[in-house]
Amino acid sequence: MNNIASSNNLSQIELEIKEFLSVPLKLKILRECLLYLFFKMTNNTADITVEKSTIHSTDGTSKTVYTVTVYKQKDVA
């Protein structure tokens, strides 16, 4: 019985560690995306589009989602 309790505690600890580590990674990715957009915007904003949409879930909550698309500029020779 002691081994089962120990195993359950370890699983819970592993889940908490994974959850803790996933948030900073998401923030780092978001930061990198924003930095990229700011650099693109200093040169030209014609190739950036932003779309806003709302997603509704079955439990009655909703989230606003922004989709940013950056188009690669084609070189004209």
C-alpha atoms as a PDB file:
ATOM      1  CA  MET A   1       0.000   0.000   0.000  1.00  0.00           C
ATOM      2  CA  ASN A   2       2.857   2.331   0.746  1.00  0.00           C
ATOM      3  CA  ASN A   3       4.242   1.822  -2.770  1.00  0.00           C
ATOM      4  CA  ILE A   4       0.868   2.717  -4.322  1.00  0.00           C
ATOM      5  CA  ALA A   5       0.616   5.956  -2.342  1.00  0.00           C
ATOM      6  CA  SER A   6       4.199   6.814  -3.239  1.00  0.00           C
ATOM      7  CA  SER A   7       3.492   6.108  -6.922  1.00  0.00           C
ATOM      8  CA  ASN A   8       0.379   8.324  -6.876  1.00  0.00           C
ATOM      9  CA  ASN A   9       2.301  11.158  -5.224  1.00  0.00           C
ATOM     10  CA  LEU A  10       5.045  10.880  -7.835  1.00  0.00           C
ATOM     11  CA  SER A  11       2.489  11.025 -10.657  1.00  0.00           C
ATOM     12  CA  GLN A  12       0.901  14.116  -9.127  1.00  0.00           C
ATOM     13  CA  ILE A  13       4.292  15.769  -8.737  1.00  0.00           C
ATOM     14  CA  GLU A  14       5.177  14.985 -12.348  1.00  0.00           C
ATOM     15  CA  LEU A  15       1.885  16.515 -13.535  1.00  0.00           C
ATOM     16  CA  GLU A  16       2.476  19.659 -11.498  1.00  0.00           C
ATOM     17  CA  ILE A  17       6.015  20.000 -12.840  1.00  0.00           C
ATOM     18  CA  LYS A  18       4.820  19.601 -16.436  1.00  0.00           C
ATOM     19  CA  GLU A  19       2.112  22.206 -15.890  1.00  0.00           C
ATOM     20  CA  PHE A  20       4.600  24.610 -14.299  1.00  0.00           C
ATOM     21  CA  LEU A  21       7.096  24.216 -17.133  1.00  0.00           C
ATOM     22  CA  SER A  22       4.539  24.539 -19.917  1.00  0.00           C
ATOM     23  CA  VAL A  23       3.441  28.072 -18.973  1.00  0.00           C
ATOM     24  CA  PRO A  24       6.861  29.739 -19.236  1.00  0.00           C
ATOM     25  CA  LEU A  25       7.463  28.000 -22.569  1.00  0.00           C
ATOM     26  CA  LYS A  26       4.198  29.377 -23.945  1.00  0.00           C
ATOM     27  CA  LEU A  27       5.158  32.860 -22.753  1.00  0.00           C
ATOM     28  CA  LYS A  28       8.580  32.575 -24.385  1.00  0.00           C
ATOM     29  CA  ILE A  29       6.999  31.565 -27.682  1.00  0.00           C
ATOM     30  CA  LEU A  30       4.535  34.454 -27.474  1.00  0.00           C
ATOM     31  CA  ARG A  31       7.369  36.885 -26.717  1.00  0.00           C
ATOM     32  CA  GLU A  32       9.347  35.658 -29.726  1.00  0.00           C
ATOM     33  CA  CYS A  33       6.298  36.028 -31.974  1.00  0.00           C
ATOM     34  CA  LEU A  34       5.664  39.566 -30.773  1.00  0.00           C
ATOM     35  CA  LEU A  35       9.284  40.560 -31.249  1.00  0.00           C
ATOM     36  CA  TYR A  36       9.179  39.195 -34.786  1.00  0.00           C
ATOM     37  CA  LEU A  37       6.025  41.171 -35.518  1.00  0.00           C
ATOM     38  CA  PHE A  38       7.484  44.397 -34.153  1.00  0.00           C
ATOM     39  CA  PHE A  39      10.573  43.983 -36.334  1.00  0.00           C
ATOM     40  CA  LYS A  40       8.368  43.304 -39.373  1.00  0.00           C
ATOM     41  CA  MET A  41       6.201  46.325 -38.619  1.00  0.00           C
ATOM     42  CA  THR A  42       9.188  48.670 -38.566  1.00  0.00           C
ATOM     43  CA  ASN A  43       9.887  47.743 -42.183  1.00  0.00           C
ATOM     44  CA  ASN A  44       6.479  47.214 -43.748  1.00  0.00           C
ATOM     45  CA  THR A  45       3.006  46.460 -42.419  1.00  0.00           C
ATOM     46  CA  ALA A  46       1.451  45.580 -45.786  1.00  0.00           C
ATOM     47  CA  ASP A  47       2.251  41.891 -45.340  1.00  0.00           C
ATOM     48  CA  ILE A  48       0.708  41.469 -41.865  1.00  0.00           C
ATOM     49  CA  THR A  49      -2.972  40.716 -41.199  1.00  0.00           C
ATOM     50  CA  VAL A  50      -4.719  40.337 -37.848  1.00  0.00           C
ATOM     51  CA  GLU A  51      -8.072  38.568 -37.507  1.00  0.00           C
ATOM     52  CA  LYS A  52     -10.150  38.536 -34.338  1.00  0.00           C
ATOM     53  CA  SER A  53     -12.606  35.746 -33.573  1.00  0.00           C
ATOM     54  CA  THR A  54     -14.508  34.465 -30.565  1.00  0.00           C
ATOM     55  CA  ILE A  55     -14.671  30.794 -29.687  1.00  0.00           C
ATOM     56  CA  HIS A  56     -17.610  29.605 -27.587  1.00  0.00           C
ATOM     57  CA  SER A  57     -17.421  26.361 -25.636  1.00  0.00           C
ATOM     58  CA  THR A  58     -20.239  24.101 -24.487  1.00  0.00           C
ATOM     59  CA  ASP A  59     -19.849  25.177 -20.850  1.00  0.00           C
ATOM     60  CA  GLY A  60     -20.876  28.735 -21.741  1.00  0.00           C
ATOM     61  CA  THR A  61     -17.439  30.329 -21.641  1.00  0.00           C
ATOM     62  CA  SER A  62     -15.881  32.118 -24.563  1.00  0.00           C
ATOM     63  CA  LYS A  63     -12.393  33.148 -25.554  1.00  0.00           C
ATOM     64  CA  THR A  64     -11.162  35.790 -27.926  1.00  0.00           C
ATOM     65  CA  VAL A  65      -8.569  34.516 -30.367  1.00  0.00           C
ATOM     66  CA  TYR A  66      -6.335  36.713 -32.476  1.00  0.00           C
ATOM     67  CA  THR A  67      -4.807  35.147 -35.558  1.00  0.00           C
ATOM     68  CA  VAL A  68      -1.793  36.985 -36.918  1.00  0.00           C
ATOM     69  CA  THR A  69      -0.578  36.104 -40.384  1.00  0.00           C
ATOM     70  CA  VAL A  70       2.754  37.350 -41.678  1.00  0.00           C
ATOM     71  CA  TYR A  71       3.275  36.906 -45.398  1.00  0.00           C
ATOM     72  CA  LYS A  72       6.757  36.467 -46.725  1.00  0.00           C
ATOM     73  CA  GLN A  73       7.663  39.309 -49.031  1.00  0.00           C
ATOM     74  CA  LYS A  74       8.581  38.259 -52.544  1.00  0.00           C
ATOM     75  CA  ASP A  75      11.696  39.722 -54.073  1.00  0.00           C
ATOM     76  CA  VAL A  76      11.048  41.432 -57.375  1.00  0.00           C
ATOM     77  CA  ALA A  77      13.938  41.274 -59.800  1.00  0.00           C
END
